[in-house]
Amino acid sequence: MGKIKHSLTAFFAVAFFALTSVTVFAGAVAGGDLWYDGGQTGTYVYSSIYDHKPDDGRYYEVKASVKVCSSVTTSGWLPDSAYISADRSFWCNESSYYDYRLLSNGGK
């Protein structure tokens, strides 16, 4: 009985950790002009992108998106920064992503 109880406790501990774990990605985009942060918490999927160098004379439009199952939620094209989130669904795939376009390079 002790081994079964121990095994069940270990199983539920691993399952709880797996379901509440946090996955995050952050990094520079467009040669460091933009910064992207996206991932999952225990309750939602999120995507964030913003102008990391606002005074460099380059102007971007950015779009943040998340996909949960087959449903895509997007911020639409916005100047300089965008954020979007959606509730998680543990029985299907989830992803977060971004897009950007350079509007003006400041004469460079």
PDB file of N, CA and C in Angstrom:
ATOM      1  N   MET A   1       0.826  -1.199   0.000  1.00  0.00           N
ATOM      2  CA  MET A   1       0.000   0.000   0.000  1.00  0.00           C
ATOM      3  C   MET A   1       0.866   1.257   0.000  1.00  0.00           C
ATOM      4  N   GLY A   2       1.997   1.229   0.702  1.00  0.00           N
ATOM      5  CA  GLY A   2       2.867   2.391   0.794  1.00  0.00           C
ATOM      6  C   GLY A   2       3.443   2.796  -0.549  1.00  0.00           C
ATOM      7  N   LYS A   3       3.829   1.787  -1.385  1.00  0.00           N
ATOM      8  CA  LYS A   3       4.386   2.091  -2.700  1.00  0.00           C
ATOM      9  C   LYS A   3       3.332   2.700  -3.619  1.00  0.00           C
ATOM     10  N   ILE A   4       2.112   2.195  -3.540  1.00  0.00           N
ATOM     11  CA  ILE A   4       1.039   2.731  -4.381  1.00  0.00           C
ATOM     12  C   ILE A   4       0.727   4.167  -3.986  1.00  0.00           C
ATOM     13  N   LYS A   5       0.642   4.416  -2.689  1.00  0.00           N
ATOM     14  CA  LYS A   5       0.345   5.773  -2.215  1.00  0.00           C
ATOM     15  C   LYS A   5       1.451   6.738  -2.637  1.00  0.00           C
ATOM     16  N   HIS A   6       2.705   6.288  -2.506  1.00  0.00           N
ATOM     17  CA  HIS A   6       3.841   7.123  -2.894  1.00  0.00           C
ATOM     18  C   HIS A   6       3.820   7.396  -4.402  1.00  0.00           C
ATOM     19  N   SER A   7       3.514   6.377  -5.195  1.00  0.00           N
ATOM     20  CA  SER A   7       3.458   6.536  -6.649  1.00  0.00           C
ATOM     21  C   SER A   7       2.352   7.497  -7.062  1.00  0.00           C
ATOM     22  N   LEU A   8       1.184   7.380  -6.434  1.00  0.00           N
ATOM     23  CA  LEU A   8       0.080   8.286  -6.744  1.00  0.00           C
ATOM     24  C   LEU A   8       0.419   9.721  -6.367  1.00  0.00           C
ATOM     25  N   THR A   9       1.055   9.905  -5.225  1.00  0.00           N
ATOM     26  CA  THR A   9       1.453  11.248  -4.798  1.00  0.00           C
ATOM     27  C   THR A   9       2.449  11.846  -5.794  1.00  0.00           C
ATOM     28  N   ALA A  10       3.416  11.053  -6.214  1.00  0.00           N
ATOM     29  CA  ALA A  10       4.404  11.530  -7.186  1.00  0.00           C
ATOM     30  C   ALA A  10       3.734  11.859  -8.519  1.00  0.00           C
ATOM     31  N   PHE A  11       2.814  11.013  -8.965  1.00  0.00           N
ATOM     32  CA  PHE A  11       2.104  11.255 -10.223  1.00  0.00           C
ATOM     33  C   PHE A  11       1.341  12.568 -10.173  1.00  0.00           C
ATOM     34  N   PHE A  12       0.582  12.796  -9.105  1.00  0.00           N
ATOM     35  CA  PHE A  12      -0.198  14.028  -9.004  1.00  0.00           C
ATOM     36  C   PHE A  12       0.693  15.261  -8.855  1.00  0.00           C
ATOM     37  N   ALA A  13       1.828  15.120  -8.201  1.00  0.00           N
ATOM     38  CA  ALA A  13       2.756  16.246  -8.080  1.00  0.00           C
ATOM     39  C   ALA A  13       3.316  16.628  -9.451  1.00  0.00           C
ATOM     40  N   VAL A  14       3.696  15.636 -10.236  1.00  0.00           N
ATOM     41  CA  VAL A  14       4.219  15.900 -11.580  1.00  0.00           C
ATOM     42  C   VAL A  14       3.122  16.479 -12.473  1.00  0.00           C
ATOM     43  N   ALA A  15       1.922  15.921 -12.404  1.00  0.00           N
ATOM     44  CA  ALA A  15       0.807  16.425 -13.215  1.00  0.00           C
ATOM     45  C   ALA A  15       0.476  17.863 -12.848  1.00  0.00           C
ATOM     46  N   PHE A  16       0.450  18.182 -11.563  1.00  0.00           N
ATOM     47  CA  PHE A  16       0.158  19.547 -11.124  1.00  0.00           C
ATOM     48  C   PHE A  16       1.215  20.510 -11.640  1.00  0.00           C
ATOM     49  N   PHE A  17       2.489  20.123 -11.536  1.00  0.00           N
ATOM     50  CA  PHE A  17       3.566  20.984 -12.016  1.00  0.00           C
ATOM     51  C   PHE A  17       3.469  21.194 -13.522  1.00  0.00           C
ATOM     52  N   ALA A  18       3.180  20.136 -14.257  1.00  0.00           N
ATOM     53  CA  ALA A  18       3.095  20.243 -15.715  1.00  0.00           C
ATOM     54  C   ALA A  18       1.945  21.146 -16.143  1.00  0.00           C
ATOM     55  N   LEU A  19       0.828  21.083 -15.457  1.00  0.00           N
ATOM     56  CA  LEU A  19      -0.330  21.882 -15.832  1.00  0.00           C
ATOM     57  C   LEU A  19      -0.204  23.348 -15.433  1.00  0.00           C
ATOM     58  N   THR A  20       0.597  23.640 -14.436  1.00  0.00           N
ATOM     59  CA  THR A  20       0.724  25.023 -13.977  1.00  0.00           C
ATOM     60  C   THR A  20       2.067  25.640 -14.345  1.00  0.00           C
ATOM     61  N   SER A  21       2.845  24.956 -15.152  1.00  0.00           N
ATOM     62  CA  SER A  21       4.157  25.488 -15.504  1.00  0.00           C
ATOM     63  C   SER A  21       4.019  26.719 -16.397  1.00  0.00           C
ATOM     64  N   VAL A  22       5.067  27.502 -16.424  1.00  0.00           N
ATOM     65  CA  VAL A  22       5.091  28.735 -17.199  1.00  0.00           C
ATOM     66  C   VAL A  22       6.133  28.593 -18.296  1.00  0.00           C
ATOM     67  N   THR A  23       5.757  28.898 -19.514  1.00  0.00           N
ATOM     68  CA  THR A  23       6.663  28.888 -20.647  1.00  0.00           C
ATOM     69  C   THR A  23       6.761  30.309 -21.176  1.00  0.00           C
ATOM     70  N   VAL A  24       7.985  30.799 -21.306  1.00  0.00           N
ATOM     71  CA  VAL A  24       8.170  32.189 -21.720  1.00  0.00           C
ATOM     72  C   VAL A  24       9.312  32.270 -22.727  1.00  0.00           C
ATOM     73  N   PHE A  25       9.153  33.129 -23.719  1.00  0.00           N
ATOM     74  CA  PHE A  25      10.237  33.463 -24.626  1.00  0.00           C
ATOM     75  C   PHE A  25      10.331  34.978 -24.697  1.00  0.00           C
ATOM     76  N   ALA A  26      11.522  35.487 -24.609  1.00  0.00           N
ATOM     77  CA  ALA A  26      11.733  36.931 -24.759  1.00  0.00           C
ATOM     78  C   ALA A  26      13.014  37.129 -25.562  1.00  0.00           C
ATOM     79  N   GLY A  27      13.014  38.144 -26.412  1.00  0.00           N
ATOM     80  CA  GLY A  27      14.215  38.394 -27.179  1.00  0.00           C
ATOM     81  C   GLY A  27      14.092  39.554 -28.141  1.00  0.00           C
ATOM     82  N   ALA A  28      15.244  39.944 -28.659  1.00  0.00           N
ATOM     83  CA  ALA A  28      15.323  41.069 -29.590  1.00  0.00           C
ATOM     84  C   ALA A  28      14.844  40.647 -30.976  1.00  0.00           C
ATOM     85  N   VAL A  29      14.192  41.576 -31.658  1.00  0.00           N
ATOM     86  CA  VAL A  29      13.660  41.366 -33.006  1.00  0.00           C
ATOM     87  C   VAL A  29      14.080  42.569 -33.853  1.00  0.00           C
ATOM     88  N   ALA A  30      14.185  42.389 -35.152  1.00  0.00           N
ATOM     89  CA  ALA A  30      14.521  43.465 -36.095  1.00  0.00           C
ATOM     90  C   ALA A  30      15.840  44.140 -35.722  1.00  0.00           C
ATOM     91  N   GLY A  31      16.854  43.333 -35.495  1.00  0.00           N
ATOM     92  CA  GLY A  31      18.169  43.870 -35.173  1.00  0.00           C
ATOM     93  C   GLY A  31      18.234  44.585 -33.839  1.00  0.00           C
ATOM     94  N   GLY A  32      17.339  44.259 -32.932  1.00  0.00           N
ATOM     95  CA  GLY A  32      17.317  44.883 -31.611  1.00  0.00           C
ATOM     96  C   GLY A  32      16.402  46.085 -31.502  1.00  0.00           C
ATOM     97  N   ASP A  33      15.802  46.505 -32.614  1.00  0.00           N
ATOM     98  CA  ASP A  33      14.879  47.647 -32.566  1.00  0.00           C
ATOM     99  C   ASP A  33      13.602  47.322 -31.794  1.00  0.00           C
ATOM    100  N   LEU A  34      13.157  46.075 -31.878  1.00  0.00           N
ATOM    101  CA  LEU A  34      11.926  45.650 -31.211  1.00  0.00           C
ATOM    102  C   LEU A  34      12.246  44.579 -30.176  1.00  0.00           C
ATOM    103  N   TRP A  35      11.355  44.423 -29.209  1.00  0.00           N
ATOM    104  CA  TRP A  35      11.497  43.386 -28.187  1.00  0.00           C
ATOM    105  C   TRP A  35      10.214  42.576 -28.136  1.00  0.00           C
ATOM    106  N   TYR A  36      10.351  41.240 -28.203  1.00  0.00           N
ATOM    107  CA  TYR A  36       9.200  40.342 -28.164  1.00  0.00           C
ATOM    108  C   TYR A  36       9.214  39.538 -26.878  1.00  0.00           C
ATOM    109  N   ASP A  37       8.052  39.390 -26.278  1.00  0.00           N
ATOM    110  CA  ASP A  37       7.877  38.572 -25.081  1.00  0.00           C
ATOM    111  C   ASP A  37       6.576  37.803 -25.257  1.00  0.00           C
ATOM    112  N   GLY A  38       6.643  36.509 -25.192  1.00  0.00           N
ATOM    113  CA  GLY A  38       5.437  35.710 -25.361  1.00  0.00           C
ATOM    114  C   GLY A  38       5.557  34.395 -24.635  1.00  0.00           C
ATOM    115  N   GLY A  39       4.417  33.801 -24.309  1.00  0.00           N
ATOM    116  CA  GLY A  39       4.446  32.518 -23.636  1.00  0.00           C
ATOM    117  C   GLY A  39       3.129  32.184 -22.984  1.00  0.00           C
ATOM    118  N   GLN A  40       3.218  31.333 -21.968  1.00  0.00           N
ATOM    119  CA  GLN A  40       2.037  30.838 -21.286  1.00  0.00           C
ATOM    120  C   GLN A  40       2.244  30.898 -19.783  1.00  0.00           C
ATOM    121  N   THR A  41       1.189  31.236 -19.076  1.00  0.00           N
ATOM    122  CA  THR A  41       1.173  31.115 -17.624  1.00  0.00           C
ATOM    123  C   THR A  41       0.245  29.947 -17.301  1.00  0.00           C
ATOM    124  N   GLY A  42      -0.115  29.786 -16.058  1.00  0.00           N
ATOM    125  CA  GLY A  42      -1.044  28.731 -15.696  1.00  0.00           C
ATOM    126  C   GLY A  42      -2.438  28.948 -16.229  1.00  0.00           C
ATOM    127  N   THR A  43      -2.787  30.183 -16.586  1.00  0.00           N
ATOM    128  CA  THR A  43      -4.167  30.471 -16.985  1.00  0.00           C
ATOM    129  C   THR A  43      -4.326  31.103 -18.367  1.00  0.00           C
ATOM    130  N   TYR A  44      -3.289  31.688 -18.939  1.00  0.00           N
ATOM    131  CA  TYR A  44      -3.463  32.334 -20.238  1.00  0.00           C
ATOM    132  C   TYR A  44      -2.207  32.254 -21.099  1.00  0.00           C
ATOM    133  N   VAL A  45      -2.399  32.490 -22.387  1.00  0.00           N
ATOM    134  CA  VAL A  45      -1.336  32.576 -23.390  1.00  0.00           C
ATOM    135  C   VAL A  45      -1.232  34.045 -23.775  1.00  0.00           C
ATOM    136  N   TYR A  46      -0.016  34.570 -23.914  1.00  0.00           N
ATOM    137  CA  TYR A  46       0.124  35.995 -24.213  1.00  0.00           C
ATOM    138  C   TYR A  46       1.222  36.248 -25.234  1.00  0.00           C
ATOM    139  N   SER A  47       1.139  37.420 -25.858  1.00  0.00           N
ATOM    140  CA  SER A  47       2.134  37.865 -26.824  1.00  0.00           C
ATOM    141  C   SER A  47       2.270  39.377 -26.696  1.00  0.00           C
ATOM    142  N   SER A  48       3.513  39.852 -26.629  1.00  0.00           N
ATOM    143  CA  SER A  48       3.773  41.278 -26.476  1.00  0.00           C
ATOM    144  C   SER A  48       4.984  41.654 -27.325  1.00  0.00           C
ATOM    145  N   ILE A  49       4.873  42.731 -28.067  1.00  0.00           N
ATOM    146  CA  ILE A  49       5.996  43.234 -28.856  1.00  0.00           C
ATOM    147  C   ILE A  49       5.983  44.756 -28.781  1.00  0.00           C
ATOM    148  N   TYR A  50       7.150  45.357 -28.613  1.00  0.00           N
ATOM    149  CA  TYR A  50       7.207  46.820 -28.514  1.00  0.00           C
ATOM    150  C   TYR A  50       8.533  47.349 -29.044  1.00  0.00           C
ATOM    151  N   ASP A  51       8.548  48.641 -29.336  1.00  0.00           N
ATOM    152  CA  ASP A  51       9.728  49.341 -29.835  1.00  0.00           C
ATOM    153  C   ASP A  51      10.737  49.464 -28.702  1.00  0.00           C
ATOM    154  N   HIS A  52      11.844  48.736 -28.841  1.00  0.00           N
ATOM    155  CA  HIS A  52      12.873  48.698 -27.797  1.00  0.00           C
ATOM    156  C   HIS A  52      13.784  49.927 -27.835  1.00  0.00           C
ATOM    157  N   LYS A  53      13.825  50.605 -28.967  1.00  0.00           N
ATOM    158  CA  LYS A  53      14.653  51.807 -29.139  1.00  0.00           C
ATOM    159  C   LYS A  53      13.767  52.930 -29.688  1.00  0.00           C
ATOM    160  N   PRO A  54      12.928  53.520 -28.861  1.00  0.00           N
ATOM    161  CA  PRO A  54      11.948  54.493 -29.361  1.00  0.00           C
ATOM    162  C   PRO A  54      12.550  55.783 -29.920  1.00  0.00           C
ATOM    163  N   ASP A  55      13.782  56.093 -29.595  1.00  0.00           N
ATOM    164  CA  ASP A  55      14.384  57.348 -30.044  1.00  0.00           C
ATOM    165  C   ASP A  55      15.361  57.178 -31.207  1.00  0.00           C
ATOM    166  N   ASP A  56      15.307  56.056 -31.908  1.00  0.00           N
ATOM    167  CA  ASP A  56      16.271  55.817 -32.983  1.00  0.00           C
ATOM    168  C   ASP A  56      15.816  56.333 -34.348  1.00  0.00           C
ATOM    169  N   GLY A  57      14.627  56.906 -34.441  1.00  0.00           N
ATOM    170  CA  GLY A  57      14.138  57.444 -35.707  1.00  0.00           C
ATOM    171  C   GLY A  57      13.466  56.424 -36.603  1.00  0.00           C
ATOM    172  N   ARG A  58      13.423  55.164 -36.190  1.00  0.00           N
ATOM    173  CA  ARG A  58      12.730  54.132 -36.968  1.00  0.00           C
ATOM    174  C   ARG A  58      11.339  53.941 -36.383  1.00  0.00           C
ATOM    175  N   TYR A  59      10.366  53.809 -37.258  1.00  0.00           N
ATOM    176  CA  TYR A  59       8.980  53.665 -36.812  1.00  0.00           C
ATOM    177  C   TYR A  59       8.401  52.362 -37.350  1.00  0.00           C
ATOM    178  N   TYR A  60       7.829  51.588 -36.453  1.00  0.00           N
ATOM    179  CA  TYR A  60       7.285  50.279 -36.790  1.00  0.00           C
ATOM    180  C   TYR A  60       5.797  50.206 -36.496  1.00  0.00           C
ATOM    181  N   GLU A  61       5.117  49.348 -37.238  1.00  0.00           N
ATOM    182  CA  GLU A  61       3.799  48.866 -36.858  1.00  0.00           C
ATOM    183  C   GLU A  61       4.002  47.417 -36.438  1.00  0.00           C
ATOM    184  N   VAL A  62       3.364  47.038 -35.343  1.00  0.00           N
ATOM    185  CA  VAL A  62       3.543  45.693 -34.813  1.00  0.00           C
ATOM    186  C   VAL A  62       2.184  45.040 -34.584  1.00  0.00           C
ATOM    187  N   LYS A  63       2.189  43.718 -34.565  1.00  0.00           N
ATOM    188  CA  LYS A  63       0.966  42.959 -34.332  1.00  0.00           C
ATOM    189  C   LYS A  63       1.302  41.765 -33.450  1.00  0.00           C
ATOM    190  N   ALA A  64       0.567  41.591 -32.362  1.00  0.00           N
ATOM    191  CA  ALA A  64       0.727  40.450 -31.464  1.00  0.00           C
ATOM    192  C   ALA A  64      -0.447  39.501 -31.678  1.00  0.00           C
ATOM    193  N   SER A  65      -0.168  38.197 -31.664  1.00  0.00           N
ATOM    194  CA  SER A  65      -1.215  37.202 -31.884  1.00  0.00           C
ATOM    195  C   SER A  65      -1.008  36.003 -30.976  1.00  0.00           C
ATOM    196  N   VAL A  66      -2.104  35.357 -30.608  1.00  0.00           N
ATOM    197  CA  VAL A  66      -2.059  34.084 -29.893  1.00  0.00           C
ATOM    198  C   VAL A  66      -3.043  33.131 -30.562  1.00  0.00           C
ATOM    199  N   LYS A  67      -2.692  31.862 -30.532  1.00  0.00           N
ATOM    200  CA  LYS A  67      -3.564  30.836 -31.097  1.00  0.00           C
ATOM    201  C   LYS A  67      -3.824  29.794 -30.028  1.00  0.00           C
ATOM    202  N   VAL A  68      -5.094  29.541 -29.746  1.00  0.00           N
ATOM    203  CA  VAL A  68      -5.511  28.515 -28.801  1.00  0.00           C
ATOM    204  C   VAL A  68      -6.480  27.612 -29.553  1.00  0.00           C
ATOM    205  N   CYS A  69      -6.140  26.336 -29.663  1.00  0.00           N
ATOM    206  CA  CYS A  69      -6.871  25.390 -30.523  1.00  0.00           C
ATOM    207  C   CYS A  69      -6.836  25.951 -31.943  1.00  0.00           C
ATOM    208  N   SER A  70      -7.965  26.205 -32.549  1.00  0.00           N
ATOM    209  CA  SER A  70      -7.968  26.771 -33.901  1.00  0.00           C
ATOM    210  C   SER A  70      -8.370  28.243 -33.904  1.00  0.00           C
ATOM    211  N   SER A  71      -8.520  28.825 -32.720  1.00  0.00           N
ATOM    212  CA  SER A  71      -8.951  30.217 -32.596  1.00  0.00           C
ATOM    213  C   SER A  71      -7.747  31.154 -32.471  1.00  0.00           C
ATOM    214  N   VAL A  72      -7.640  32.106 -33.387  1.00  0.00           N
ATOM    215  CA  VAL A  72      -6.550  33.084 -33.365  1.00  0.00           C
ATOM    216  C   VAL A  72      -7.101  34.423 -32.881  1.00  0.00           C
ATOM    217  N   THR A  73      -6.419  35.007 -31.897  1.00  0.00           N
ATOM    218  CA  THR A  73      -6.761  36.333 -31.389  1.00  0.00           C
ATOM    219  C   THR A  73      -5.590  37.251 -31.698  1.00  0.00           C
ATOM    220  N   THR A  74      -5.864  38.410 -32.267  1.00  0.00           N
ATOM    221  CA  THR A  74      -4.790  39.315 -32.671  1.00  0.00           C
ATOM    222  C   THR A  74      -5.074  40.736 -32.204  1.00  0.00           C
ATOM    223  N   SER A  75      -4.023  41.481 -32.006  1.00  0.00           N
ATOM    224  CA  SER A  75      -4.154  42.881 -31.599  1.00  0.00           C
ATOM    225  C   SER A  75      -4.474  43.780 -32.788  1.00  0.00           C
ATOM    226  N   GLY A  76      -4.232  43.292 -33.998  1.00  0.00           N
ATOM    227  CA  GLY A  76      -4.298  44.152 -35.171  1.00  0.00           C
ATOM    228  C   GLY A  76      -3.011  44.968 -35.259  1.00  0.00           C
ATOM    229  N   TRP A  77      -2.827  45.673 -36.345  1.00  0.00           N
ATOM    230  CA  TRP A  77      -1.616  46.481 -36.527  1.00  0.00           C
ATOM    231  C   TRP A  77      -1.703  47.737 -35.671  1.00  0.00           C
ATOM    232  N   LEU A  78      -0.669  47.944 -34.836  1.00  0.00           N
ATOM    233  CA  LEU A  78      -0.618  49.095 -33.937  1.00  0.00           C
ATOM    234  C   LEU A  78       0.751  49.765 -34.021  1.00  0.00           C
ATOM    235  N   PRO A  79       0.831  51.070 -33.774  1.00  0.00           N
ATOM    236  CA  PRO A  79       2.130  51.745 -33.776  1.00  0.00           C
ATOM    237  C   PRO A  79       2.907  51.452 -32.494  1.00  0.00           C
ATOM    238  N   ASP A  80       4.153  51.043 -32.635  1.00  0.00           N
ATOM    239  CA  ASP A  80       5.126  50.910 -31.539  1.00  0.00           C
ATOM    240  C   ASP A  80       4.950  49.743 -30.584  1.00  0.00           C
ATOM    241  N   SER A  81       3.739  49.398 -30.146  1.00  0.00           N
ATOM    242  CA  SER A  81       3.603  48.293 -29.195  1.00  0.00           C
ATOM    243  C   SER A  81       2.247  47.608 -29.337  1.00  0.00           C
ATOM    244  N   ALA A  82       2.244  46.303 -29.033  1.00  0.00           N
ATOM    245  CA  ALA A  82       1.006  45.527 -29.102  1.00  0.00           C
ATOM    246  C   ALA A  82       1.055  44.419 -28.057  1.00  0.00           C
ATOM    247  N   TYR A  83      -0.099  44.114 -27.471  1.00  0.00           N
ATOM    248  CA  TYR A  83      -0.227  43.040 -26.485  1.00  0.00           C
ATOM    249  C   TYR A  83      -1.574  42.362 -26.686  1.00  0.00           C
ATOM    250  N   ILE A  84      -1.585  41.045 -26.540  1.00  0.00           N
ATOM    251  CA  ILE A  84      -2.837  40.288 -26.613  1.00  0.00           C
ATOM    252  C   ILE A  84      -2.691  39.045 -25.736  1.00  0.00           C
ATOM    253  N   SER A  85      -3.803  38.592 -25.166  1.00  0.00           N
ATOM    254  CA  SER A  85      -3.794  37.359 -24.385  1.00  0.00           C
ATOM    255  C   SER A  85      -5.116  36.629 -24.588  1.00  0.00           C
ATOM    256  N   ALA A  86      -5.104  35.336 -24.277  1.00  0.00           N
ATOM    257  CA  ALA A  86      -6.302  34.506 -24.372  1.00  0.00           C
ATOM    258  C   ALA A  86      -6.214  33.417 -23.311  1.00  0.00           C
ATOM    259  N   ASP A  87      -7.355  32.969 -22.832  1.00  0.00           N
ATOM    260  CA  ASP A  87      -7.400  31.896 -21.838  1.00  0.00           C
ATOM    261  C   ASP A  87      -6.828  30.611 -22.424  1.00  0.00           C
ATOM    262  N   ARG A  88      -6.112  29.864 -21.577  1.00  0.00           N
ATOM    263  CA  ARG A  88      -5.527  28.604 -22.010  1.00  0.00           C
ATOM    264  C   ARG A  88      -6.582  27.524 -22.141  1.00  0.00           C
ATOM    265  N   SER A  89      -6.270  26.537 -22.945  1.00  0.00           N
ATOM    266  CA  SER A  89      -7.081  25.336 -23.091  1.00  0.00           C
ATOM    267  C   SER A  89      -6.112  24.162 -23.059  1.00  0.00           C
ATOM    268  N   PHE A  90      -6.219  23.323 -22.053  1.00  0.00           N
ATOM    269  CA  PHE A  90      -5.206  22.292 -21.838  1.00  0.00           C
ATOM    270  C   PHE A  90      -5.348  21.085 -22.762  1.00  0.00           C
ATOM    271  N   TRP A  91      -6.391  21.030 -23.577  1.00  0.00           N
ATOM    272  CA  TRP A  91      -6.568  19.870 -24.449  1.00  0.00           C
ATOM    273  C   TRP A  91      -6.203  20.154 -25.902  1.00  0.00           C
ATOM    274  N   CYS A  92      -5.585  21.296 -26.184  1.00  0.00           N
ATOM    275  CA  CYS A  92      -5.167  21.562 -27.564  1.00  0.00           C
ATOM    276  C   CYS A  92      -3.896  22.413 -27.582  1.00  0.00           C
ATOM    277  N   ASN A  93      -3.341  22.584 -28.757  1.00  0.00           N
ATOM    278  CA  ASN A  93      -2.100  23.347 -28.913  1.00  0.00           C
ATOM    279  C   ASN A  93      -2.334  24.842 -28.728  1.00  0.00           C
ATOM    280  N   GLU A  94      -1.304  25.494 -28.192  1.00  0.00           N
ATOM    281  CA  GLU A  94      -1.337  26.938 -27.964  1.00  0.00           C
ATOM    282  C   GLU A  94      -0.029  27.529 -28.468  1.00  0.00           C
ATOM    283  N   SER A  95      -0.091  28.719 -29.032  1.00  0.00           N
ATOM    284  CA  SER A  95       1.130  29.385 -29.477  1.00  0.00           C
ATOM    285  C   SER A  95       0.937  30.894 -29.433  1.00  0.00           C
ATOM    286  N   SER A  96       2.061  31.583 -29.363  1.00  0.00           N
ATOM    287  CA  SER A  96       2.033  33.049 -29.414  1.00  0.00           C
ATOM    288  C   SER A  96       3.068  33.485 -30.438  1.00  0.00           C
ATOM    289  N   TYR A  97       2.755  34.528 -31.161  1.00  0.00           N
ATOM    290  CA  TYR A  97       3.668  34.992 -32.195  1.00  0.00           C
ATOM    291  C   TYR A  97       3.427  36.467 -32.493  1.00  0.00           C
ATOM    292  N   TYR A  98       4.227  37.021 -33.396  1.00  0.00           N
ATOM    293  CA  TYR A  98       4.193  38.453 -33.688  1.00  0.00           C
ATOM    294  C   TYR A  98       4.462  38.680 -35.165  1.00  0.00           C
ATOM    295  N   ASP A  99       4.223  39.913 -35.587  1.00  0.00           N
ATOM    296  CA  ASP A  99       4.607  40.359 -36.921  1.00  0.00           C
ATOM    297  C   ASP A  99       4.939  41.842 -36.810  1.00  0.00           C
ATOM    298  N   TYR A 100       5.743  42.339 -37.725  1.00  0.00           N
ATOM    299  CA  TYR A 100       6.084  43.764 -37.705  1.00  0.00           C
ATOM    300  C   TYR A 100       6.394  44.234 -39.112  1.00  0.00           C
ATOM    301  N   ARG A 101       6.285  45.542 -39.297  1.00  0.00           N
ATOM    302  CA  ARG A 101       6.691  46.154 -40.564  1.00  0.00           C
ATOM    303  C   ARG A 101       7.274  47.533 -40.282  1.00  0.00           C
ATOM    304  N   LEU A 102       8.357  47.823 -40.971  1.00  0.00           N
ATOM    305  CA  LEU A 102       9.047  49.102 -40.831  1.00  0.00           C
ATOM    306  C   LEU A 102       8.320  50.151 -41.660  1.00  0.00           C
ATOM    307  N   LEU A 103       7.897  51.230 -41.020  1.00  0.00           N
ATOM    308  CA  LEU A 103       7.213  52.312 -41.725  1.00  0.00           C
ATOM    309  C   LEU A 103       8.193  53.373 -42.201  1.00  0.00           C
ATOM    310  N   SER A 104       9.174  53.698 -41.350  1.00  0.00           N
ATOM    311  CA  SER A 104      10.161  54.722 -41.690  1.00  0.00           C
ATOM    312  C   SER A 104      11.463  54.377 -40.995  1.00  0.00           C
ATOM    313  N   ASN A 105      12.562  54.474 -41.712  1.00  0.00           N
ATOM    314  CA  ASN A 105      13.849  54.150 -41.102  1.00  0.00           C
ATOM    315  C   ASN A 105      14.624  55.383 -40.667  1.00  0.00           C
ATOM    316  N   GLY A 106      13.982  56.513 -40.558  1.00  0.00           N
ATOM    317  CA  GLY A 106      14.641  57.718 -40.060  1.00  0.00           C
ATOM    318  C   GLY A 106      15.730  58.235 -40.973  1.00  0.00           C
ATOM    319  N   GLY A 107      15.625  57.979 -42.268  1.00  0.00           N
ATOM    320  CA  GLY A 107      16.621  58.466 -43.217  1.00  0.00           C
ATOM    321  C   GLY A 107      17.879  57.631 -43.264  1.00  0.00           C
ATOM    322  N   LYS A 108      17.879  56.448 -42.643  1.00  0.00           N
ATOM    323  CA  LYS A 108      19.076  55.597 -42.630  1.00  0.00           C
ATOM    324  C   LYS A 108      19.038  54.595 -43.742  1.00  0.00           C
TER     325      LYS A 108
END
